[in-house]
């Protein structure tokens, strides 16, 4: 008897996995990885993240904004 079940779909990428891949590919450095993880995976506000990371909310927002533009420019590479 043959299987009639469809092939399993690959899992959707999650923020943590995408950030890990971006770090592995050298698209982001460690401080940027920590900042993005704190905001987008842990869900902290820029003020909370800044307090935890010993930074300022402005630097957290700047680092996130700059990194997201870079990651968007490499979206196909990250999706592969």
Protein backbone atom coordinates (compact mmCIF):
# COMPACT_ATOMS: atom_id res chain seq x y z
CA UNK A 1 0.00 0.00 0.00
CA UNK A 2 1.35 3.47 -0.85
CA UNK A 3 1.22 6.54 1.31
CA UNK A 4 -1.39 9.01 0.23
CA UNK A 5 -0.21 11.71 2.60
CA UNK A 6 1.29 14.86 1.10
CA UNK A 7 4.98 15.49 1.62
CA UNK A 8 5.73 17.38 4.81
CA UNK A 9 6.12 21.10 4.29
CA UNK A 10 9.39 22.56 5.53
CA UNK A 11 8.87 24.54 8.73
CA UNK A 12 8.36 28.27 8.44
CA UNK A 13 11.47 30.19 9.46
CA UNK A 14 11.22 31.83 12.84
CA UNK A 15 12.93 34.97 14.06
CA UNK A 16 15.47 33.13 16.19
CA UNK A 17 16.49 30.81 13.35
CA UNK A 18 16.70 33.67 10.87
CA UNK A 19 18.89 35.67 13.22
CA UNK A 20 21.15 32.68 13.77
CA UNK A 21 21.52 32.20 10.03
CA UNK A 22 22.21 35.92 9.51
CA UNK A 23 24.94 35.71 12.15
CA UNK A 24 26.41 32.56 10.58
CA UNK A 25 26.50 34.25 7.18
CA UNK A 26 28.21 37.33 8.66
CA UNK A 27 25.32 39.66 7.85
CA UNK A 28 25.09 40.87 11.44
CA UNK A 29 27.62 41.06 14.26
CA UNK A 30 27.15 39.71 17.78
CA UNK A 31 25.92 42.98 19.38
CA UNK A 32 23.37 43.39 16.60
CA UNK A 33 22.29 39.76 16.95
CA UNK A 34 21.77 40.24 20.71
CA UNK A 35 19.83 43.45 20.12
CA UNK A 36 17.56 41.97 17.44
CA UNK A 37 16.99 38.82 19.51
CA UNK A 38 16.07 40.84 22.58
CA UNK A 39 13.53 42.93 20.66
CA UNK A 40 12.08 40.46 18.14
CA UNK A 41 12.36 37.12 19.93
CA UNK A 42 12.11 38.11 23.60
CA UNK A 43 9.62 40.86 22.73
CA UNK A 44 11.11 43.64 24.84
CA UNK A 45 10.59 47.30 24.03
CA UNK A 46 13.57 49.35 22.94
CA UNK A 47 13.73 50.89 26.44
CA UNK A 48 13.65 47.47 28.12
CA UNK A 49 16.22 46.07 25.69
CA UNK A 50 18.47 49.08 26.22
CA UNK A 51 18.37 48.59 29.97
CA UNK A 52 19.21 44.91 29.64
CA UNK A 53 21.96 45.48 27.06
CA UNK A 54 23.53 48.51 28.76
CA UNK A 55 22.62 50.77 25.87
CA UNK A 56 20.16 53.51 25.01
CA UNK A 57 16.71 53.11 23.45
CA UNK A 58 17.88 55.24 20.52
CA UNK A 59 20.83 52.93 19.83
CA UNK A 60 18.58 49.88 20.06
CA UNK A 61 16.16 51.37 17.51
CA UNK A 62 19.01 52.46 15.23
CA UNK A 63 20.69 49.05 15.39
CA UNK A 64 17.40 47.27 14.66
CA UNK A 65 16.51 49.58 11.79
CA UNK A 66 19.94 49.32 10.17
CA UNK A 67 20.07 45.55 10.56
CA UNK A 68 16.56 44.98 9.21
CA UNK A 69 17.40 46.97 6.07
CA UNK A 70 20.49 44.82 5.57
CA UNK A 71 18.61 41.58 6.21
CA UNK A 72 15.83 42.63 3.82
CA UNK A 73 18.45 43.22 1.11
CA UNK A 74 19.63 39.62 1.66
CA UNK A 75 16.17 38.02 2.08
CA UNK A 76 16.67 35.49 -0.72
CA UNK A 77 19.97 34.32 0.77
CA UNK A 78 18.38 33.96 4.21
CA UNK A 79 15.39 32.06 2.79
CA UNK A 80 17.58 29.52 0.97
